[in-house]
Protein backbone atom coordinates (compact mmCIF):
# COMPACT_ATOMS: atom_id res chain seq x y z
CA MET A 1 8.17 -2.57 -25.67
CA LYS A 2 6.11 0.35 -24.42
CA VAL A 3 4.68 1.39 -21.07
CA GLN A 4 1.48 3.32 -20.45
CA TRP A 5 0.79 5.06 -17.14
CA TYR A 6 -2.79 5.50 -15.96
CA ARG A 7 -2.71 6.55 -12.31
CA SER A 8 -0.69 5.78 -9.17
CA ALA A 9 1.08 2.39 -9.66
CA THR A 10 -1.31 1.32 -12.43
CA VAL A 11 0.56 0.82 -15.68
CA GLY A 12 0.16 -1.19 -18.84
CA ILE A 13 3.15 -2.99 -20.36
CA PHE A 14 2.94 -3.92 -24.04
CA SER A 15 5.20 -5.94 -26.29
CA GLN A 16 5.79 -5.05 -29.91
CA ALA A 17 3.57 -8.00 -30.90
CA GLY A 18 0.72 -6.53 -28.85
CA THR A 19 0.71 -8.67 -25.72
CA SER A 20 -0.78 -6.55 -22.94
CA ILE A 21 -0.28 -6.78 -19.17
CA LEU A 22 -2.08 -4.48 -16.75
CA CYS A 23 -0.13 -3.99 -13.52
CA ASP A 24 -1.54 -3.18 -10.08
CA PRO A 25 -4.95 -1.88 -11.15
CA TRP A 26 -6.43 0.94 -9.09
CA ILE A 27 -8.72 3.49 -10.73
CA THR A 28 -11.71 3.72 -8.34
CA ASP A 29 -11.52 6.71 -6.00
CA GLY A 30 -12.07 6.13 -2.30
CA ALA A 31 -9.43 3.46 -1.65
CA PHE A 32 -8.44 2.58 1.91
CA ILE A 33 -11.94 2.86 3.35
CA GLY A 34 -12.83 5.97 1.42
CA SER A 35 -9.90 8.32 2.01
CA TRP A 36 -7.51 7.92 -0.97
CA PHE A 37 -8.24 9.80 -4.20
CA HIS A 38 -6.32 10.05 -7.44
CA TRP A 39 -4.23 13.03 -8.38
CA PRO A 40 -4.43 14.30 -11.06
CA GLN A 41 -8.17 13.89 -10.63
CA LEU A 42 -10.02 11.41 -12.81
CA GLU A 43 -11.83 12.74 -15.85
CA GLY A 44 -14.57 10.11 -15.85
CA PHE A 45 -13.65 7.83 -18.75
CA GLU A 46 -10.89 5.86 -17.03
CA PHE A 47 -12.79 2.96 -15.44
CA GLU A 48 -14.70 1.98 -18.56
CA ASP A 49 -11.60 2.41 -20.71
CA LEU A 50 -9.49 0.01 -18.64
CA ALA A 51 -12.35 -2.40 -17.91
CA ASN A 52 -13.18 -2.91 -21.58
CA ARG A 53 -9.72 -3.14 -23.07
CA LYS A 54 -8.36 -6.51 -24.13
CA TRP A 55 -5.86 -7.51 -21.48
CA ASP A 56 -3.88 -10.70 -21.85
CA ALA A 57 -2.96 -10.63 -18.16
CA ILE A 58 -3.19 -8.64 -14.94
CA TYR A 59 -0.25 -8.59 -12.53
CA ILE A 60 -1.17 -7.79 -8.92
CA SER A 61 1.83 -7.32 -6.66
CA HIS A 62 0.02 -7.29 -3.30
CA PHE A 63 -3.41 -6.72 -1.77
CA HIS A 64 -3.21 -3.07 -0.73
CA ALA A 65 -6.15 -1.09 -2.07
CA ASP A 66 -4.02 1.18 -4.28
CA HIS A 67 -2.73 -1.89 -6.11
CA PHE A 68 -5.82 -4.07 -6.12
CA ASP A 69 -9.05 -2.35 -7.19
CA ARG A 70 -11.68 -5.03 -6.63
CA LYS A 71 -14.29 -3.23 -8.73
CA LEU A 72 -11.98 -2.89 -11.73
CA VAL A 73 -10.64 -6.44 -11.42
CA ALA A 74 -14.23 -7.77 -11.26
CA ALA A 75 -15.19 -5.73 -14.32
CA ILE A 76 -12.24 -7.11 -16.28
CA ALA A 77 -13.13 -10.65 -15.18
CA ARG A 78 -16.59 -10.16 -16.75
CA SER A 79 -15.53 -8.38 -19.94
CA ASN A 80 -12.34 -10.33 -20.70
CA PRO A 81 -12.94 -14.10 -20.40
CA ASP A 82 -9.45 -14.86 -21.73
CA THR A 83 -7.56 -12.60 -19.31
CA ARG A 84 -5.23 -14.35 -16.88
CA VAL A 85 -4.17 -13.05 -13.48
CA LEU A 86 -0.49 -13.33 -12.51
CA LEU A 87 0.17 -13.50 -8.77
CA PRO A 88 3.18 -14.33 -6.62
CA ASN A 89 2.87 -17.76 -5.06
CA TYR A 90 2.43 -16.41 -1.53
CA ALA A 91 2.39 -18.75 1.45
CA ASN A 92 -0.87 -17.12 2.49
CA LYS A 93 -3.69 -17.15 -0.04
CA TRP A 94 -5.44 -13.92 0.89
CA LEU A 95 -4.81 -12.28 -2.47
CA PHE A 96 -5.62 -15.46 -4.40
CA ARG A 97 -8.98 -15.80 -2.63
CA ALA A 98 -9.74 -12.12 -3.19
CA VAL A 99 -9.11 -12.45 -6.93
CA ILE A 100 -11.37 -15.52 -7.09
CA ASN A 101 -14.05 -13.52 -5.29
CA CYS A 102 -13.81 -10.94 -8.10
CA GLY A 103 -15.01 -13.54 -10.59
CA PHE A 104 -11.81 -15.11 -11.91
CA GLU A 105 -12.04 -18.89 -11.95
CA PRO A 106 -9.04 -20.64 -10.36
CA ASN A 107 -7.84 -21.87 -13.76
CA ARG A 108 -7.49 -18.24 -14.88
CA VAL A 109 -5.10 -17.42 -12.02
CA ILE A 110 -1.42 -18.27 -12.41
CA GLU A 111 0.74 -18.27 -9.29
CA LEU A 112 4.37 -17.67 -10.19
CA GLN A 113 7.19 -19.21 -8.19
CA ASN A 114 9.79 -16.99 -6.63
CA ASN A 115 12.82 -16.16 -8.80
CA SER A 116 11.73 -18.50 -11.57
CA LYS A 117 11.34 -17.42 -15.20
CA PHE A 118 7.86 -17.82 -16.63
CA SER A 119 7.02 -17.62 -20.34
CA PHE A 120 3.79 -15.79 -21.10
CA LYS A 121 3.24 -15.33 -24.82
CA ASP A 122 6.24 -13.26 -25.95
CA PHE A 123 7.12 -12.11 -22.42
CA ILE A 124 9.53 -13.67 -19.97
CA ILE A 125 8.36 -12.77 -16.46
CA THR A 126 10.34 -13.29 -13.27
CA MET A 127 8.53 -12.76 -9.99
CA PHE A 128 10.38 -11.94 -6.79
CA VAL A 129 8.53 -12.13 -3.49
CA ALA A 130 9.49 -9.77 -0.67
CA ASP A 131 9.15 -10.27 3.07
CA TYR A 132 7.35 -8.19 5.69
CA CYS A 133 7.86 -4.45 5.60
CA ASN A 134 9.98 -2.58 8.10
CA PRO A 135 8.07 0.30 9.74
CA GLN A 136 11.28 2.30 9.89
CA ILE A 137 11.59 2.07 6.09
CA CYS A 138 8.04 2.23 4.75
CA GLY A 139 6.59 4.66 7.26
CA ALA A 140 3.77 2.35 8.34
CA GLN A 141 3.18 1.80 12.03
CA ILE A 142 1.29 -1.47 11.56
CA PRO A 143 3.20 -3.75 9.13
CA CYS A 144 1.24 -5.97 6.79
CA MET A 145 2.62 -9.12 8.36
CA THR A 146 3.75 -10.13 11.81
CA ASN A 147 7.43 -10.84 12.28
CA PRO A 148 8.59 -13.45 12.99
CA ARG A 149 5.78 -15.87 13.89
CA LYS A 150 3.82 -15.36 10.70
CA GLN A 151 6.69 -14.01 8.63
CA THR A 152 5.83 -14.58 5.02
CA ALA A 153 6.00 -12.65 1.80
CA ASN A 154 3.39 -9.95 1.33
CA ASP A 155 4.81 -7.88 -1.52
CA SER A 156 6.53 -8.62 -4.79
CA LEU A 157 8.48 -7.30 -7.74
CA ALA A 158 8.12 -8.42 -11.33
CA LEU A 159 10.70 -8.30 -14.10
CA PHE A 160 9.17 -8.13 -17.59
CA GLU A 161 11.39 -9.01 -20.56
CA ALA A 162 10.32 -8.68 -24.19
CA ASP A 163 11.68 -7.28 -27.46
CA GLY A 164 15.18 -7.15 -25.97
CA TYR A 165 14.16 -4.84 -23.10
CA ARG A 166 13.95 -5.38 -19.35
CA VAL A 167 11.40 -3.50 -17.22
CA LEU A 168 11.36 -3.96 -13.44
CA ASN A 169 8.07 -3.13 -11.72
CA ALA A 170 9.15 -2.66 -8.11
CA ASN A 171 5.85 -1.03 -6.95
CA ASP A 172 6.07 -0.60 -3.15
CA ALA A 173 8.67 -3.29 -2.53
CA LEU A 174 11.52 -0.78 -2.28
CA ALA A 175 10.29 -0.32 1.32
CA VAL A 176 10.77 -4.02 2.06
CA GLN A 177 13.98 -5.10 3.78
CA SER A 178 14.63 -8.19 1.71
CA ALA A 179 14.30 -6.33 -1.59
CA GLN A 180 17.82 -4.99 -1.14
CA LYS A 181 19.13 -8.53 -1.61
CA LEU A 182 17.45 -8.89 -5.00
CA TRP A 183 19.39 -6.38 -7.07
CA PRO A 184 22.34 -8.74 -7.84
CA LEU A 185 19.83 -11.40 -8.94
CA ILE A 186 17.94 -9.01 -11.21
CA GLY A 187 20.88 -7.32 -12.92
CA GLU A 188 20.68 -4.32 -15.21
CA VAL A 189 17.31 -3.01 -16.38
CA ASP A 190 16.19 -0.56 -19.02
CA LEU A 191 13.37 0.90 -16.93
CA LEU A 192 12.73 0.88 -13.19
CA LEU A 193 9.20 1.63 -11.95
CA GLY A 194 9.12 2.42 -8.25
CA HIS A 195 7.22 4.36 -5.62
CA TYR A 196 8.61 7.64 -4.35
CA GLY A 197 6.18 8.77 -1.65
CA GLY A 198 5.05 7.79 1.80
CA ALA A 199 1.75 6.01 2.37
CA GLY A 200 1.93 5.62 6.14
CA PRO A 201 0.33 7.86 8.78
CA PHE A 202 3.53 9.59 9.84
CA PRO A 203 3.70 12.46 10.38
CA GLN A 204 0.25 13.70 9.33
CA CYS A 205 -1.74 11.61 11.83
CA PHE A 206 0.43 12.31 14.90
CA VAL A 207 -1.36 15.01 16.86
CA ASP A 208 1.45 15.55 19.37
CA ILE A 209 3.68 16.99 16.61
CA GLU A 210 3.28 20.68 15.78
CA ASP A 211 2.38 21.60 12.19
CA ASP A 212 5.73 23.22 11.41
CA GLU A 213 7.57 20.15 12.61
CA LYS A 214 5.21 17.90 10.65
CA ILE A 215 6.05 19.74 7.45
CA GLN A 216 9.77 19.36 8.15
CA LYS A 217 9.51 15.67 9.03
CA ALA A 218 7.28 15.00 6.01
CA SER A 219 9.88 16.57 3.72
CA GLU A 220 12.74 14.63 5.29
CA LEU A 221 10.88 11.33 5.00
CA GLY A 222 9.69 12.08 1.48
CA TRP A 223 13.21 12.75 0.25
CA LYS A 224 14.36 9.47 1.82
CA PHE A 225 11.84 7.66 -0.40
CA VAL A 226 13.05 9.56 -3.46
CA ASP A 227 16.72 8.94 -2.71
CA ARG A 228 16.06 5.24 -2.18
CA LEU A 229 14.45 5.07 -5.63
CA ILE A 230 17.45 6.87 -7.16
CA GLU A 231 19.90 4.57 -5.40
CA THR A 232 18.02 1.51 -6.61
CA GLY A 233 18.21 2.84 -10.15
CA ARG A 234 21.96 3.23 -9.71
CA LEU A 235 22.40 -0.30 -8.36
CA LEU A 236 20.41 -1.71 -11.30
CA ASN A 237 22.16 0.59 -13.78
CA ALA A 238 18.68 1.57 -14.95
CA ARG A 239 18.64 3.73 -18.05
CA TYR A 240 15.25 5.18 -17.08
CA VAL A 241 13.60 5.58 -13.69
CA MET A 242 9.87 6.23 -13.46
CA PRO A 243 8.71 7.53 -10.07
CA TYR A 244 5.10 6.55 -9.47
CA ALA A 245 2.63 5.52 -6.76
CA GLY A 246 3.01 8.86 -5.00
CA GLN A 247 0.25 10.72 -6.81
CA TYR A 248 -2.62 10.44 -4.34
CA VAL A 249 -4.45 12.82 -2.02
CA LEU A 250 -6.68 12.39 1.01
CA GLY A 251 -10.36 13.26 0.75
CA GLY A 252 -13.21 13.53 3.22
CA LYS A 253 -12.60 14.93 6.69
CA LEU A 254 -8.93 13.95 6.40
CA SER A 255 -8.24 16.31 3.49
CA SER A 256 -6.75 18.84 5.93
CA LEU A 257 -3.87 16.38 6.45
CA ASN A 258 -2.64 16.63 2.85
CA PRO A 259 0.06 19.29 3.47
CA PHE A 260 1.71 17.01 6.04
CA ARG A 261 2.06 13.84 3.95
CA SER A 262 5.56 12.65 3.02
CA VAL A 263 5.02 13.08 -0.72
CA ILE A 264 7.27 15.31 -2.85
CA PRO A 265 5.88 17.02 -5.99
CA ILE A 266 6.81 14.97 -9.04
CA SER A 267 8.54 17.93 -10.72
CA GLU A 268 10.96 18.17 -7.79
CA VAL A 269 11.51 14.40 -7.89
CA VAL A 270 12.48 14.68 -11.56
CA ASP A 271 15.00 17.40 -10.74
CA ARG A 272 16.51 15.20 -8.02
CA ILE A 273 16.87 12.22 -10.37
CA ASN A 274 18.45 14.44 -13.00
CA SER A 275 20.94 15.85 -10.53
CA ALA A 276 22.03 12.34 -9.51
CA GLN A 277 23.19 11.76 -13.12
CA PHE A 278 22.67 7.98 -13.00
CA SER A 279 19.33 7.51 -14.74
CA ILE A 280 16.96 9.48 -16.93
CA PRO A 281 13.69 10.37 -15.14
CA LEU A 282 10.56 9.28 -16.95
CA THR A 283 7.18 10.93 -16.32
CA ILE A 284 4.23 10.87 -18.69
CA HIS A 285 0.70 12.25 -18.78
CA PRO A 286 -2.08 9.91 -17.57
CA PHE A 287 -3.06 7.45 -20.29
CA SER A 288 -0.03 8.41 -22.37
CA GLU A 289 2.87 6.06 -23.13
CA PHE A 290 6.61 5.75 -23.43
CA ASN A 291 8.22 3.65 -26.16
CA LEU A 292 11.53 2.13 -25.07
CA LYS A 293 12.65 1.54 -28.65
CA THR A 294 12.18 5.10 -29.84
CA ALA A 295 12.73 6.67 -26.39
CA ASN A 296 9.72 8.88 -27.05
CA SER A 297 6.66 9.66 -24.95
CA LEU A 298 3.40 10.71 -26.55
CA THR A 299 2.49 13.32 -23.94
CA PRO A 300 4.92 14.36 -21.19
CA TRP A 301 3.93 15.10 -17.62
CA VAL A 302 2.83 18.62 -16.75
CA GLU A 303 2.62 19.48 -13.05
CA PRO A 304 -0.98 20.53 -12.21
CA SER A 305 -1.35 23.95 -10.63
CA LYS A 306 -1.73 24.45 -6.89
CA ARG A 307 -4.95 26.29 -7.62
CA ASP A 308 -6.39 23.21 -9.34
CA LEU A 309 -5.20 21.01 -6.49
CA ASN A 310 -6.73 23.21 -3.80
CA SER A 311 -10.02 23.41 -5.68
CA TYR A 312 -10.09 19.62 -5.97
CA LEU A 313 -9.26 19.14 -2.28
CA ASP A 314 -12.08 21.51 -1.31
CA ARG A 315 -14.52 19.43 -3.32
CA ILE A 316 -13.50 15.95 -2.15
CA GLY A 317 -13.14 17.25 1.40
CA GLN A 318 -16.95 17.36 1.55
CA LEU A 319 -17.32 13.62 0.93
CA SER A 320 -18.09 11.02 3.59
CA TYR A 321 -16.47 7.65 4.30
CA PRO A 322 -18.40 4.36 4.08
CA TYR A 323 -18.58 4.01 7.87
CA GLU A 324 -19.80 7.57 8.46
CA GLY A 325 -23.50 6.84 8.58
CA PRO A 326 -25.88 7.58 11.44
CA ALA A 327 -24.69 7.09 15.01
CA GLU A 328 -24.72 3.42 16.01
CA ASP A 329 -25.44 1.73 19.29
CA TRP A 330 -22.63 -0.58 20.35
CA PRO A 331 -23.75 -2.00 23.67
CA ASN A 332 -21.06 -4.69 23.73
CA ALA A 333 -18.20 -2.34 22.82
CA LEU A 334 -15.99 -2.96 25.86
CA ASN A 335 -16.49 -6.73 25.80
CA GLN A 336 -15.80 -7.00 22.08
CA ILE A 337 -12.76 -4.73 22.21
CA GLN A 338 -11.40 -6.84 25.06
CA SER A 339 -12.14 -10.05 23.18
CA SER A 340 -10.31 -8.76 20.12
CA LEU A 341 -7.33 -7.71 22.26
CA GLU A 342 -7.18 -11.26 23.62
CA LYS A 343 -6.21 -12.31 20.08
CA VAL A 344 -3.36 -9.81 20.25
CA ARG A 345 -2.28 -11.33 23.56
CA GLU A 346 -2.21 -14.78 21.95
CA GLU A 347 0.13 -13.52 19.25
CA PHE A 348 2.33 -11.82 21.84
CA THR A 349 2.55 -15.04 23.88
CA ALA A 350 3.63 -16.90 20.77
CA MET A 351 6.30 -14.25 20.11
CA VAL A 352 7.65 -14.60 23.64
CA GLY A 353 7.74 -18.36 23.10
CA LEU A 354 10.14 -17.74 20.24
CA GLY A 355 12.48 -15.87 22.54
CA ILE A 356 11.44 -12.31 21.66
CA LEU A 357 11.03 -10.06 24.68
CA GLY A 358 8.29 -7.49 25.06
CA SER A 359 8.94 -3.75 24.96
CA GLU A 360 7.55 -2.79 28.39
CA SER A 361 5.04 -0.48 26.80
CA SER A 362 1.29 -0.01 26.48
CA ILE A 363 -1.05 0.52 23.53
CA THR A 364 -4.47 2.09 24.07
CA ILE A 365 -7.28 1.67 21.55
CA SER A 366 -9.61 4.62 21.98
CA THR A 367 -12.96 5.73 20.56
CA GLU A 368 -15.51 8.33 21.63
CA ILE A 369 -17.52 5.66 23.47
CA ALA A 370 -14.95 3.17 24.81
CA SER A 371 -11.23 2.63 25.25
CA MET A 372 -9.00 -0.16 26.47
CA SER A 373 -5.26 -0.70 26.90
CA ILE A 374 -3.04 -3.68 26.31
CA ASN A 375 0.25 -3.74 28.21
CA PHE A 376 3.38 -5.65 27.24
CA SER A 377 6.01 -6.49 29.84
CA LYS A 378 9.12 -8.45 28.93
CA SER A 379 7.28 -11.79 28.97
CA GLU A 380 3.62 -11.18 29.80
CA SER A 381 0.73 -9.01 28.67
CA SER A 382 -2.39 -7.68 30.32
CA ILE A 383 -5.54 -5.82 29.29
CA THR A 384 -6.78 -2.89 31.35
CA SER A 385 -9.83 -0.66 31.02
CA ASN A 386 -8.61 2.07 33.39
CA GLY A 387 -5.62 3.22 31.34
CA PRO A 388 -2.10 2.06 30.44
CA ILE A 389 0.36 0.80 33.06
CA PHE A 390 3.62 1.70 31.28
CA GLU A 391 5.11 5.15 30.74
CA LYS A 392 6.00 4.19 27.18
CA HIS A 393 2.57 4.49 25.67
CA THR A 394 0.93 4.64 22.24
CA GLU A 395 -2.67 5.80 21.90
CA ILE A 396 -4.55 5.01 18.69
CA SER A 397 -7.89 6.77 18.34
CA CYS A 398 -10.60 6.35 15.72
CA ASP A 399 -14.33 6.59 15.11
CA SER A 400 -16.21 3.86 16.99
CA ARG A 401 -18.14 3.02 13.81
CA LEU A 402 -14.82 2.27 12.10
CA LEU A 403 -13.35 0.27 14.97
CA ARG A 404 -16.48 -1.87 15.16
CA ARG A 405 -16.07 -2.83 11.50
CA LEU A 406 -12.34 -3.44 11.91
CA ILE A 407 -12.54 -5.90 14.78
CA ILE A 408 -15.79 -7.84 14.31
CA ARG A 409 -15.94 -10.85 11.98
CA LYS A 410 -18.62 -13.45 11.54
CA SER A 411 -17.54 -16.82 12.85
CA GLY A 412 -15.61 -18.74 10.18
CA TYR A 413 -15.22 -15.70 7.90
CA LYS A 414 -12.31 -16.04 5.45
CA GLY A 415 -13.21 -13.54 2.76
CA PHE A 416 -11.62 -10.24 1.77
CA THR A 417 -12.66 -7.04 3.51
CA PRO A 418 -11.26 -3.52 3.28
CA TYR A 419 -11.94 -3.16 7.00
CA HIS A 420 -8.53 -4.22 8.25
CA PHE A 421 -6.17 -2.42 10.62
CA ASN A 422 -3.42 -2.08 8.05
CA GLN A 423 -5.80 -0.66 5.44
CA ALA A 424 -7.28 1.82 7.92
CA GLU A 425 -3.84 2.91 9.00
CA ILE A 426 -2.66 3.57 5.45
CA GLY A 427 -5.89 5.46 4.87
CA SER A 428 -4.91 7.82 7.73
CA HIS A 429 -8.09 6.98 9.67
CA PHE A 430 -6.25 6.67 13.00
CA THR A 431 -5.03 9.48 15.23
CA TRP A 432 -1.74 8.69 16.95
CA ARG A 433 -0.13 9.85 20.19
CA ARG A 434 3.10 8.30 21.37
CA SER A 435 5.35 8.65 24.37
CA GLY A 436 8.57 6.72 23.88
CA PRO A 437 9.86 4.69 20.90
CA TYR A 438 7.89 2.61 18.44
CA PRO A 439 6.74 -0.63 20.18
CA ASN A 440 7.15 -3.73 18.04
CA GLU A 441 3.87 -5.05 19.43
CA THR A 442 1.99 -2.48 17.32
CA GLN A 443 2.19 -4.95 14.44
CA LEU A 444 0.09 -7.42 16.42
CA LEU A 445 -2.95 -5.19 16.01
CA ASN A 446 -3.46 -6.84 12.63
CA PHE A 447 -4.90 -9.74 14.65
CA MET A 448 -7.24 -7.62 16.77
CA GLN A 449 -10.49 -9.35 15.84
CA CYS A 450 -13.36 -11.10 17.55
CA SER A 451 -15.95 -13.49 16.13
CA VAL A 452 -19.70 -13.04 16.51
């Protein structure tokens, strides 16, 4: 078996007989509403190369934009009529519908049951679904799912077995609480693939933290991600550990935030894994490969220079985001923001009905043209336009053009859109201010939508 790394969490896994599985495809720059770019930078051949290869299957772990490149998946659907898509059998069908919208007919999509072995050509694949993420672990402020009313799996891991080798693709699921329960079920692996960097907005998007403190907190959080990957490798007795899904940078007007992200340079991550003396770190050059049988890589990783990085950041820092067009009139802004917050109130009421008390805090949604607060007491909520009512207060600010796209949906709309609170948050498009602890109600902003 051999593994090729392309960018971020995008890898190809190949059996000795030639069966090919592309995992978590993302190669198009501008993910998460325009802000995420690849590092090392793309050379220009990558999209066509991956789109026109013969893939037997694509595994997509979850619907985040750095794991599900709709343009690339659509191109593969057109160029590879025999390619199958392997998905976890999630309770919600958001990812399934999104893949169908890319051009894959339903009979080309295989939904794998949790913790059940599936034979695909000469591979044995075991899919493990993972529950909602914990903001204290993954660094996100707005989790993908709402706990507990709509608690359901939203991430996954996949164990690939072929040629006598076992490769676990853990992608981002190391940040999911329930993943810790899976290691006894999975057992020993030859290679662990797992993320090592933070994708959330903390600390770079928190304007009430000084720059020096941001750098310190980013380093502390980044090393927590690295140490969690190392510890997982130890628990799985992994011979090799490949840190991935941390090589990204922010472009556009947010490029100035790059020094404050919780991402450790890969060369330092390798040193940390080596010093732990449990597993051998594996890093390879983009579009190179590692052969598990021979334990050889074609081209090893070489850390790009800071000069090259700074030059690249200067260039992509001039780019605009999709919502940054001309100024837009939004005459119904206050009414539509209030209407969308009513959906959040509905979710809060349902939470209270399950016996979960509110946090006695307020969240303000703010733009340059309108702002509104939603307040959560122990058992009730209210919406105010003249400011928050609780001392514990979180303010989330963004461009009005972005907020408009995040909250407005056509009546009956059930398609896939990148304009979602969780996607915007990961893209660092929000500015955060917070007085007091993290309020659990922040997760309810995923439902802040109104129909028109």
